[in-house]
N, C-alpha and C. Protein backbone atom coordinates (compact mmCIF):
# COMPACT_ATOMS: atom_id res chain seq x y z
N MET A 1 13.89 -11.66 -1.71
CA MET A 1 12.87 -10.66 -1.45
C MET A 1 13.03 -9.52 -2.45
N PRO A 2 11.97 -9.07 -3.07
CA PRO A 2 12.06 -8.02 -4.10
C PRO A 2 12.14 -6.62 -3.49
N TYR A 3 13.19 -6.35 -2.74
CA TYR A 3 13.35 -5.08 -2.05
C TYR A 3 14.83 -4.76 -2.06
N HIS A 4 15.18 -3.57 -2.54
CA HIS A 4 16.58 -3.20 -2.71
C HIS A 4 16.82 -1.76 -2.26
N LEU A 5 18.07 -1.47 -1.96
CA LEU A 5 18.52 -0.09 -1.78
C LEU A 5 19.27 0.30 -3.04
N TRP A 6 19.15 1.55 -3.42
CA TRP A 6 19.85 2.05 -4.60
C TRP A 6 20.35 3.44 -4.28
N MET A 7 21.63 3.69 -4.50
CA MET A 7 22.16 5.03 -4.29
C MET A 7 22.20 5.74 -5.64
N GLY A 8 21.48 6.82 -5.73
CA GLY A 8 21.43 7.58 -6.96
C GLY A 8 20.29 8.58 -6.92
N ASN A 9 19.93 9.07 -8.08
CA ASN A 9 18.89 10.07 -8.22
C ASN A 9 17.61 9.38 -8.71
N ILE A 10 16.54 9.53 -7.98
CA ILE A 10 15.30 8.82 -8.31
C ILE A 10 14.76 9.17 -9.69
N VAL A 11 15.06 10.34 -10.20
CA VAL A 11 14.53 10.71 -11.52
C VAL A 11 15.17 9.89 -12.64
N ASN A 12 16.25 9.16 -12.34
CA ASN A 12 16.94 8.36 -13.35
C ASN A 12 16.57 6.88 -13.33
N ILE A 13 15.72 6.46 -12.43
CA ILE A 13 15.43 5.04 -12.29
C ILE A 13 14.23 4.65 -13.18
N ALA A 14 14.35 3.51 -13.83
CA ALA A 14 13.32 3.08 -14.80
C ALA A 14 12.41 2.01 -14.20
N THR A 15 11.80 2.31 -13.08
CA THR A 15 10.78 1.43 -12.52
C THR A 15 9.43 1.80 -13.13
N ASP A 16 8.42 1.00 -12.88
CA ASP A 16 7.09 1.36 -13.38
C ASP A 16 6.61 2.67 -12.76
N ALA A 17 6.90 2.86 -11.47
CA ALA A 17 6.48 4.08 -10.78
C ALA A 17 7.58 4.57 -9.86
N ILE A 18 7.64 5.88 -9.69
CA ILE A 18 8.45 6.48 -8.64
C ILE A 18 7.50 7.24 -7.72
N VAL A 19 7.95 7.49 -6.51
CA VAL A 19 7.11 8.17 -5.53
C VAL A 19 7.64 9.58 -5.30
N ASN A 20 6.72 10.52 -5.25
CA ASN A 20 7.03 11.92 -4.97
C ASN A 20 6.51 12.27 -3.59
N ALA A 21 7.35 12.90 -2.78
CA ALA A 21 6.94 13.41 -1.47
C ALA A 21 6.24 14.75 -1.71
N ALA A 22 4.92 14.72 -1.69
CA ALA A 22 4.10 15.88 -2.06
C ALA A 22 3.48 16.55 -0.84
N ASN A 23 2.90 17.70 -1.09
CA ASN A 23 2.06 18.32 -0.06
C ASN A 23 0.60 18.02 -0.41
N THR A 24 -0.30 18.40 0.45
CA THR A 24 -1.71 18.05 0.25
C THR A 24 -2.32 18.74 -0.98
N GLU A 25 -1.74 19.84 -1.41
CA GLU A 25 -2.24 20.55 -2.59
C GLU A 25 -1.58 20.09 -3.88
N LEU A 26 -0.62 19.15 -3.77
CA LEU A 26 0.10 18.59 -4.92
C LEU A 26 0.85 19.66 -5.70
N LYS A 27 1.33 20.67 -4.99
CA LYS A 27 2.09 21.74 -5.62
C LYS A 27 3.58 21.49 -5.47
N ARG A 28 4.33 21.99 -6.41
CA ARG A 28 5.79 21.87 -6.44
C ARG A 28 6.37 22.49 -5.17
N THR A 29 7.20 21.72 -4.47
CA THR A 29 7.84 22.19 -3.24
C THR A 29 9.33 21.84 -3.28
N PRO A 30 10.15 22.50 -2.46
CA PRO A 30 11.59 22.19 -2.44
C PRO A 30 11.87 20.74 -2.06
N GLY A 31 13.02 20.25 -2.48
CA GLY A 31 13.43 18.89 -2.14
C GLY A 31 13.20 17.94 -3.29
N ILE A 32 12.86 16.70 -2.96
CA ILE A 32 12.67 15.67 -3.99
C ILE A 32 11.55 16.05 -4.95
N CYS A 33 10.53 16.70 -4.44
CA CYS A 33 9.41 17.14 -5.28
C CYS A 33 9.91 18.07 -6.39
N GLU A 34 10.72 19.04 -6.02
CA GLU A 34 11.29 19.98 -7.00
C GLU A 34 12.13 19.24 -8.03
N ALA A 35 12.94 18.28 -7.58
CA ALA A 35 13.79 17.52 -8.50
C ALA A 35 12.95 16.74 -9.51
N ILE A 36 11.87 16.15 -9.05
CA ILE A 36 11.00 15.38 -9.95
C ILE A 36 10.31 16.30 -10.95
N PHE A 37 9.76 17.41 -10.47
CA PHE A 37 9.10 18.36 -11.38
C PHE A 37 10.09 18.91 -12.40
N ALA A 38 11.32 19.22 -11.97
CA ALA A 38 12.32 19.79 -12.87
C ALA A 38 12.75 18.80 -13.95
N ALA A 39 12.80 17.52 -13.62
CA ALA A 39 13.24 16.51 -14.58
C ALA A 39 12.13 16.09 -15.55
N ALA A 40 10.90 16.23 -15.13
CA ALA A 40 9.75 15.87 -15.97
C ALA A 40 9.35 17.08 -16.82
N ASP A 41 8.35 16.92 -17.66
CA ASP A 41 7.75 18.06 -18.36
C ASP A 41 6.91 18.78 -17.31
N SER A 42 7.48 19.83 -16.73
CA SER A 42 6.87 20.50 -15.57
C SER A 42 5.46 21.00 -15.82
N ALA A 43 5.23 21.59 -16.98
CA ALA A 43 3.90 22.15 -17.25
C ALA A 43 2.84 21.05 -17.27
N LYS A 44 3.14 19.94 -17.91
CA LYS A 44 2.18 18.83 -17.95
C LYS A 44 1.98 18.21 -16.57
N LEU A 45 3.06 18.08 -15.81
CA LEU A 45 2.95 17.51 -14.47
C LEU A 45 2.15 18.42 -13.55
N GLU A 46 2.41 19.72 -13.62
CA GLU A 46 1.65 20.67 -12.80
C GLU A 46 0.16 20.62 -13.15
N GLU A 47 -0.16 20.53 -14.43
CA GLU A 47 -1.56 20.46 -14.85
C GLU A 47 -2.22 19.17 -14.36
N ALA A 48 -1.52 18.06 -14.46
CA ALA A 48 -2.08 16.78 -13.97
C ALA A 48 -2.32 16.84 -12.47
N CYS A 49 -1.40 17.43 -11.73
CA CYS A 49 -1.58 17.56 -10.27
C CYS A 49 -2.73 18.51 -9.96
N ARG A 50 -2.85 19.59 -10.72
CA ARG A 50 -3.94 20.54 -10.51
C ARG A 50 -5.29 19.85 -10.72
N ARG A 51 -5.38 19.00 -11.73
CA ARG A 51 -6.63 18.28 -11.99
C ARG A 51 -6.99 17.34 -10.83
N HIS A 52 -6.00 16.75 -10.20
CA HIS A 52 -6.28 15.89 -9.03
C HIS A 52 -6.75 16.72 -7.85
N GLY A 53 -6.20 17.93 -7.71
CA GLY A 53 -6.61 18.80 -6.61
C GLY A 53 -5.95 18.43 -5.30
N HIS A 54 -6.73 18.04 -4.34
CA HIS A 54 -6.27 17.80 -2.97
C HIS A 54 -5.94 16.32 -2.75
N CYS A 55 -4.91 16.07 -1.94
CA CYS A 55 -4.55 14.70 -1.54
C CYS A 55 -4.39 14.70 -0.02
N PRO A 56 -5.25 14.00 0.71
CA PRO A 56 -5.13 13.98 2.17
C PRO A 56 -3.81 13.37 2.64
N ILE A 57 -3.35 13.78 3.80
CA ILE A 57 -2.13 13.22 4.38
C ILE A 57 -2.28 11.72 4.53
N GLY A 58 -1.23 11.00 4.11
CA GLY A 58 -1.23 9.55 4.18
C GLY A 58 -1.83 8.88 2.96
N HIS A 59 -2.32 9.66 2.00
CA HIS A 59 -2.96 9.11 0.80
C HIS A 59 -2.07 9.35 -0.41
N SER A 60 -2.51 8.88 -1.58
CA SER A 60 -1.71 9.04 -2.79
C SER A 60 -2.59 9.27 -4.01
N VAL A 61 -1.99 9.89 -5.02
CA VAL A 61 -2.59 10.01 -6.35
C VAL A 61 -1.51 9.66 -7.37
N MET A 62 -1.93 9.30 -8.57
CA MET A 62 -0.98 8.87 -9.60
C MET A 62 -1.12 9.73 -10.84
N THR A 63 0.03 10.08 -11.43
CA THR A 63 0.06 10.80 -12.70
C THR A 63 1.03 10.08 -13.64
N PRO A 64 0.94 10.37 -14.94
CA PRO A 64 2.01 9.91 -15.83
C PRO A 64 3.33 10.58 -15.40
N SER A 65 4.44 10.06 -15.88
CA SER A 65 5.74 10.63 -15.48
C SER A 65 6.18 11.79 -16.36
N PHE A 66 5.55 11.96 -17.49
CA PHE A 66 5.83 13.09 -18.38
C PHE A 66 7.32 13.23 -18.71
N GLY A 67 7.88 12.15 -19.24
CA GLY A 67 9.25 12.20 -19.75
C GLY A 67 10.32 11.57 -18.89
N LEU A 68 10.00 11.13 -17.70
CA LEU A 68 10.99 10.45 -16.86
C LEU A 68 11.11 8.98 -17.29
N PRO A 69 12.19 8.30 -16.92
CA PRO A 69 12.31 6.88 -17.26
C PRO A 69 11.20 6.01 -16.65
N ALA A 70 10.71 6.36 -15.48
CA ALA A 70 9.58 5.65 -14.88
C ALA A 70 8.32 5.98 -15.67
N ARG A 71 7.33 5.09 -15.63
CA ARG A 71 6.08 5.35 -16.37
C ARG A 71 5.14 6.27 -15.60
N TYR A 72 5.13 6.15 -14.28
CA TYR A 72 4.19 6.91 -13.45
C TYR A 72 4.89 7.57 -12.28
N ILE A 73 4.23 8.59 -11.75
CA ILE A 73 4.63 9.20 -10.49
C ILE A 73 3.46 9.02 -9.53
N ILE A 74 3.74 8.44 -8.38
CA ILE A 74 2.74 8.33 -7.33
C ILE A 74 3.08 9.39 -6.29
N HIS A 75 2.19 10.35 -6.13
CA HIS A 75 2.39 11.47 -5.22
C HIS A 75 1.75 11.12 -3.88
N VAL A 76 2.52 11.19 -2.80
CA VAL A 76 1.97 10.93 -1.47
C VAL A 76 2.10 12.20 -0.63
N ALA A 77 1.04 12.51 0.10
CA ALA A 77 1.06 13.65 1.01
C ALA A 77 1.42 13.13 2.40
N GLY A 78 2.49 13.64 2.95
CA GLY A 78 3.00 13.09 4.20
C GLY A 78 2.84 13.99 5.40
N PRO A 79 3.12 13.41 6.56
CA PRO A 79 2.97 14.14 7.82
C PRO A 79 4.14 15.07 8.09
N GLY A 80 3.89 16.06 8.91
CA GLY A 80 4.97 16.86 9.46
C GLY A 80 5.55 16.11 10.65
N TRP A 81 6.52 16.70 11.29
CA TRP A 81 7.14 16.08 12.48
C TRP A 81 7.01 17.08 13.62
N PHE A 82 6.23 16.71 14.60
CA PHE A 82 5.97 17.60 15.73
C PHE A 82 6.39 16.94 17.03
N GLY A 83 7.54 16.26 16.99
CA GLY A 83 8.08 15.68 18.21
C GLY A 83 8.03 14.17 18.27
N GLY A 84 7.47 13.53 17.29
CA GLY A 84 7.53 12.09 17.25
C GLY A 84 6.34 11.34 17.79
N ALA A 85 5.17 11.94 17.71
CA ALA A 85 3.97 11.24 18.17
C ALA A 85 3.74 9.99 17.32
N GLU A 86 3.14 8.99 17.92
CA GLU A 86 2.86 7.73 17.22
C GLU A 86 2.05 7.97 15.95
N ARG A 87 1.15 8.94 15.98
CA ARG A 87 0.33 9.25 14.81
C ARG A 87 1.21 9.65 13.61
N GLU A 88 2.28 10.40 13.85
CA GLU A 88 3.17 10.80 12.77
C GLU A 88 3.84 9.59 12.13
N ARG A 89 4.27 8.66 12.95
CA ARG A 89 4.89 7.42 12.45
C ARG A 89 3.88 6.60 11.63
N LEU A 90 2.67 6.49 12.15
CA LEU A 90 1.63 5.72 11.45
C LEU A 90 1.27 6.36 10.11
N LEU A 91 1.20 7.69 10.08
CA LEU A 91 0.88 8.38 8.83
C LEU A 91 1.99 8.18 7.80
N LEU A 92 3.25 8.19 8.25
CA LEU A 92 4.35 7.95 7.31
C LEU A 92 4.27 6.53 6.76
N ALA A 93 4.03 5.56 7.62
CA ALA A 93 3.89 4.17 7.16
C ALA A 93 2.72 4.06 6.18
N ASP A 94 1.63 4.79 6.43
CA ASP A 94 0.49 4.80 5.50
C ASP A 94 0.91 5.31 4.12
N CYS A 95 1.79 6.31 4.08
CA CYS A 95 2.26 6.82 2.78
C CYS A 95 2.91 5.71 1.97
N TYR A 96 3.76 4.94 2.61
CA TYR A 96 4.41 3.83 1.91
C TYR A 96 3.39 2.78 1.47
N ARG A 97 2.54 2.36 2.40
CA ARG A 97 1.55 1.32 2.08
C ARG A 97 0.60 1.74 0.97
N ARG A 98 0.10 2.96 1.05
CA ARG A 98 -0.86 3.41 0.05
C ARG A 98 -0.21 3.59 -1.32
N ALA A 99 1.03 4.03 -1.35
CA ALA A 99 1.73 4.14 -2.64
C ALA A 99 1.93 2.76 -3.25
N MET A 100 2.32 1.79 -2.44
CA MET A 100 2.52 0.43 -2.97
C MET A 100 1.19 -0.19 -3.40
N THR A 101 0.14 0.06 -2.63
CA THR A 101 -1.18 -0.44 -3.01
C THR A 101 -1.62 0.16 -4.33
N ARG A 102 -1.43 1.46 -4.50
CA ARG A 102 -1.80 2.11 -5.76
C ARG A 102 -0.98 1.52 -6.91
N ALA A 103 0.29 1.28 -6.68
CA ALA A 103 1.13 0.69 -7.73
C ALA A 103 0.58 -0.67 -8.16
N VAL A 104 0.30 -1.53 -7.18
CA VAL A 104 -0.19 -2.88 -7.49
C VAL A 104 -1.55 -2.83 -8.19
N THR A 105 -2.47 -2.01 -7.69
CA THR A 105 -3.80 -1.95 -8.29
C THR A 105 -3.78 -1.30 -9.67
N SER A 106 -2.71 -0.58 -9.99
CA SER A 106 -2.56 0.04 -11.31
C SER A 106 -1.75 -0.83 -12.27
N GLY A 107 -1.38 -2.02 -11.82
CA GLY A 107 -0.66 -2.95 -12.69
C GLY A 107 0.84 -2.79 -12.71
N CYS A 108 1.38 -1.99 -11.81
CA CYS A 108 2.83 -1.81 -11.75
C CYS A 108 3.50 -3.04 -11.14
N LYS A 109 4.67 -3.37 -11.64
CA LYS A 109 5.46 -4.47 -11.10
C LYS A 109 6.65 -3.97 -10.28
N SER A 110 6.96 -2.66 -10.40
CA SER A 110 8.10 -2.10 -9.66
C SER A 110 7.80 -0.66 -9.26
N ILE A 111 8.37 -0.28 -8.12
CA ILE A 111 8.18 1.06 -7.58
C ILE A 111 9.46 1.49 -6.88
N ALA A 112 9.80 2.77 -7.00
CA ALA A 112 10.97 3.32 -6.32
C ALA A 112 10.53 4.47 -5.42
N PHE A 113 11.00 4.43 -4.19
CA PHE A 113 10.73 5.46 -3.20
C PHE A 113 11.99 6.24 -2.88
N PRO A 114 11.91 7.56 -2.74
CA PRO A 114 12.98 8.25 -2.04
C PRO A 114 12.70 8.05 -0.54
N LEU A 115 13.57 8.49 0.31
CA LEU A 115 13.31 8.43 1.75
C LEU A 115 12.37 9.60 2.05
N ILE A 116 11.07 9.35 1.92
CA ILE A 116 10.09 10.43 1.96
C ILE A 116 9.94 11.04 3.35
N PHE A 117 9.75 12.35 3.34
CA PHE A 117 9.44 13.15 4.53
C PHE A 117 10.47 12.95 5.64
N SER A 118 11.74 12.98 5.26
CA SER A 118 12.81 12.82 6.25
C SER A 118 13.76 14.01 6.18
N GLY A 119 14.54 14.16 7.23
CA GLY A 119 15.55 15.21 7.24
C GLY A 119 15.06 16.45 7.96
N GLU A 120 15.69 17.56 7.63
CA GLU A 120 15.40 18.82 8.30
C GLU A 120 13.91 19.16 8.21
N TYR A 121 13.31 19.49 9.33
CA TYR A 121 11.88 19.84 9.48
C TYR A 121 10.94 18.65 9.28
N HIS A 122 11.48 17.49 9.12
CA HIS A 122 10.67 16.30 8.93
C HIS A 122 11.13 15.22 9.91
N ILE A 123 10.71 14.02 9.69
CA ILE A 123 11.06 12.90 10.55
C ILE A 123 12.56 12.66 10.48
N PRO A 124 13.22 12.48 11.63
CA PRO A 124 14.67 12.21 11.61
C PRO A 124 14.99 11.00 10.71
N ARG A 125 16.09 11.09 9.99
CA ARG A 125 16.41 10.07 8.98
C ARG A 125 16.43 8.66 9.54
N GLU A 126 17.05 8.47 10.71
CA GLU A 126 17.12 7.12 11.28
C GLU A 126 15.72 6.54 11.47
N GLU A 127 14.83 7.35 12.01
CA GLU A 127 13.44 6.92 12.23
C GLU A 127 12.73 6.67 10.90
N ALA A 128 12.96 7.56 9.93
CA ALA A 128 12.32 7.41 8.62
C ALA A 128 12.78 6.13 7.92
N ILE A 129 14.06 5.80 8.04
CA ILE A 129 14.57 4.56 7.43
C ILE A 129 13.92 3.35 8.08
N TYR A 130 13.83 3.36 9.39
CA TYR A 130 13.21 2.24 10.10
C TYR A 130 11.75 2.07 9.68
N ILE A 131 11.00 3.17 9.65
CA ILE A 131 9.58 3.12 9.27
C ILE A 131 9.43 2.63 7.83
N ALA A 132 10.26 3.16 6.93
CA ALA A 132 10.21 2.73 5.52
C ALA A 132 10.49 1.23 5.42
N GLY A 133 11.52 0.79 6.10
CA GLY A 133 11.88 -0.63 6.05
C GLY A 133 10.77 -1.53 6.54
N GLN A 134 10.14 -1.16 7.65
CA GLN A 134 9.04 -1.96 8.20
C GLN A 134 7.84 -1.97 7.27
N ALA A 135 7.46 -0.80 6.77
CA ALA A 135 6.27 -0.71 5.90
C ALA A 135 6.48 -1.49 4.61
N ILE A 136 7.66 -1.36 4.01
CA ILE A 136 7.93 -2.05 2.75
C ILE A 136 7.99 -3.56 2.98
N THR A 137 8.70 -3.99 4.01
CA THR A 137 8.82 -5.42 4.30
C THR A 137 7.46 -6.04 4.57
N ASP A 138 6.65 -5.38 5.39
CA ASP A 138 5.31 -5.89 5.69
C ASP A 138 4.47 -6.02 4.42
N PHE A 139 4.55 -5.02 3.55
CA PHE A 139 3.74 -5.03 2.33
C PHE A 139 4.18 -6.15 1.38
N ILE A 140 5.48 -6.28 1.15
CA ILE A 140 5.91 -7.26 0.15
C ILE A 140 5.79 -8.70 0.65
N ARG A 141 5.62 -8.89 1.94
CA ARG A 141 5.30 -10.23 2.43
C ARG A 141 3.93 -10.66 1.91
N ARG A 142 3.03 -9.70 1.76
CA ARG A 142 1.68 -9.99 1.26
C ARG A 142 1.59 -9.87 -0.26
N SER A 143 2.45 -9.06 -0.86
CA SER A 143 2.45 -8.84 -2.32
C SER A 143 3.86 -9.00 -2.87
N PRO A 144 4.39 -10.22 -2.88
CA PRO A 144 5.78 -10.41 -3.28
C PRO A 144 6.07 -10.14 -4.75
N ALA A 145 5.05 -9.94 -5.56
CA ALA A 145 5.28 -9.67 -6.99
C ALA A 145 5.75 -8.24 -7.24
N LEU A 146 5.63 -7.35 -6.26
CA LEU A 146 6.05 -5.96 -6.43
C LEU A 146 7.52 -5.82 -6.06
N ASP A 147 8.32 -5.31 -6.99
CA ASP A 147 9.73 -5.04 -6.75
C ASP A 147 9.84 -3.62 -6.21
N VAL A 148 10.42 -3.46 -5.03
CA VAL A 148 10.49 -2.16 -4.36
C VAL A 148 11.95 -1.74 -4.22
N VAL A 149 12.22 -0.48 -4.59
CA VAL A 149 13.56 0.08 -4.48
C VAL A 149 13.47 1.32 -3.59
N LEU A 150 14.31 1.36 -2.55
CA LEU A 150 14.43 2.55 -1.72
C LEU A 150 15.66 3.30 -2.22
N VAL A 151 15.44 4.48 -2.78
CA VAL A 151 16.50 5.26 -3.42
C VAL A 151 17.04 6.29 -2.43
N LEU A 152 18.34 6.25 -2.24
CA LEU A 152 19.02 7.17 -1.33
C LEU A 152 20.06 7.93 -2.13
N TYR A 153 20.03 9.25 -2.04
CA TYR A 153 20.83 10.06 -2.95
C TYR A 153 22.19 10.48 -2.42
N LYS A 154 22.47 10.26 -1.15
CA LYS A 154 23.77 10.62 -0.57
C LYS A 154 24.43 9.39 0.02
N PRO A 155 25.76 9.25 -0.18
CA PRO A 155 26.45 8.07 0.35
C PRO A 155 26.25 7.87 1.85
N GLY A 156 26.26 8.93 2.63
CA GLY A 156 26.09 8.79 4.07
C GLY A 156 24.72 8.24 4.46
N ILE A 157 23.68 8.66 3.76
CA ILE A 157 22.33 8.17 4.04
C ILE A 157 22.19 6.72 3.56
N TYR A 158 22.81 6.42 2.43
CA TYR A 158 22.81 5.06 1.90
C TYR A 158 23.46 4.10 2.91
N LEU A 159 24.62 4.48 3.43
CA LEU A 159 25.31 3.63 4.41
C LEU A 159 24.51 3.53 5.71
N MET A 160 23.87 4.63 6.12
CA MET A 160 23.02 4.61 7.31
C MET A 160 21.87 3.62 7.12
N ALA A 161 21.26 3.64 5.96
CA ALA A 161 20.15 2.72 5.69
C ALA A 161 20.62 1.27 5.72
N LYS A 162 21.76 0.99 5.12
CA LYS A 162 22.29 -0.37 5.16
C LYS A 162 22.51 -0.83 6.60
N ARG A 163 23.03 0.06 7.44
CA ARG A 163 23.28 -0.27 8.85
C ARG A 163 21.97 -0.50 9.60
N ILE A 164 21.02 0.43 9.48
CA ILE A 164 19.75 0.33 10.21
C ILE A 164 18.95 -0.89 9.77
N LEU A 165 18.96 -1.17 8.48
CA LEU A 165 18.20 -2.30 7.95
C LEU A 165 18.95 -3.63 8.09
N GLY A 166 20.24 -3.54 8.47
CA GLY A 166 21.03 -4.76 8.65
C GLY A 166 21.33 -5.47 7.36
N TRP A 167 21.54 -4.70 6.29
CA TRP A 167 21.75 -5.29 4.97
C TRP A 167 23.21 -5.33 4.59
N ASP A 168 23.55 -6.35 3.79
CA ASP A 168 24.86 -6.41 3.18
C ASP A 168 24.70 -6.00 1.71
N ASP A 169 25.76 -6.14 0.94
CA ASP A 169 25.71 -5.68 -0.45
C ASP A 169 24.87 -6.54 -1.38
N THR A 170 24.38 -7.68 -0.92
CA THR A 170 23.52 -8.49 -1.80
C THR A 170 22.13 -7.89 -1.93
N HIS A 171 21.77 -6.97 -1.04
CA HIS A 171 20.45 -6.34 -1.08
C HIS A 171 20.49 -4.92 -1.65
N SER A 172 21.68 -4.44 -1.95
CA SER A 172 21.77 -3.04 -2.33
C SER A 172 22.79 -2.86 -3.45
N TYR A 173 22.65 -1.76 -4.14
CA TYR A 173 23.59 -1.46 -5.20
C TYR A 173 23.69 0.03 -5.37
N GLU A 174 24.83 0.44 -5.90
CA GLU A 174 25.12 1.85 -6.08
C GLU A 174 25.18 2.16 -7.56
N THR A 175 25.02 3.41 -7.87
CA THR A 175 25.17 3.86 -9.25
C THR A 175 25.91 5.17 -9.25
N SER A 176 26.57 5.45 -10.32
CA SER A 176 27.24 6.74 -10.44
C SER A 176 26.34 7.76 -11.12
N ALA A 177 25.14 7.34 -11.53
CA ALA A 177 24.20 8.26 -12.20
C ALA A 177 23.78 9.36 -11.25
N LYS A 178 23.81 10.55 -11.72
CA LYS A 178 23.43 11.70 -10.89
C LYS A 178 22.11 12.26 -11.35
């Protein structure tokens, strides 16, 4: 199955596309979004996002990567977490599905996701890992040509994902790249 876990920094991965956890206005925000903007040519990326304008929750837009190893950045606007309503889970799954759909329709063969919209003030990590795993697995059953990497930047989260997804080391790999 073309689905892997990778421990490292998403800005260093050379897939066709990486995914940015964006807000609906596609503006630079703290977290993974800030890391992606800082590693890319920020001025060009900000201008490309400004030209796109608004991105509804659960949807995606694509920009060039502006200097990152990946060719494109797929920006997804995700849900907040207000106690765990089913709608929040469905919107998060939509973020994964729509990003993968955009990648495939744009000719990408590989995509890397951070664990989007998880952690403090967002969906609890365990829940986010489960939702990501289900959405990715369901998608690649229908589109097995897309290679999907779930990038986890901390060892504890990486090990948590391996446990929740029931994976051994044949499905995952680590890197020392920061």
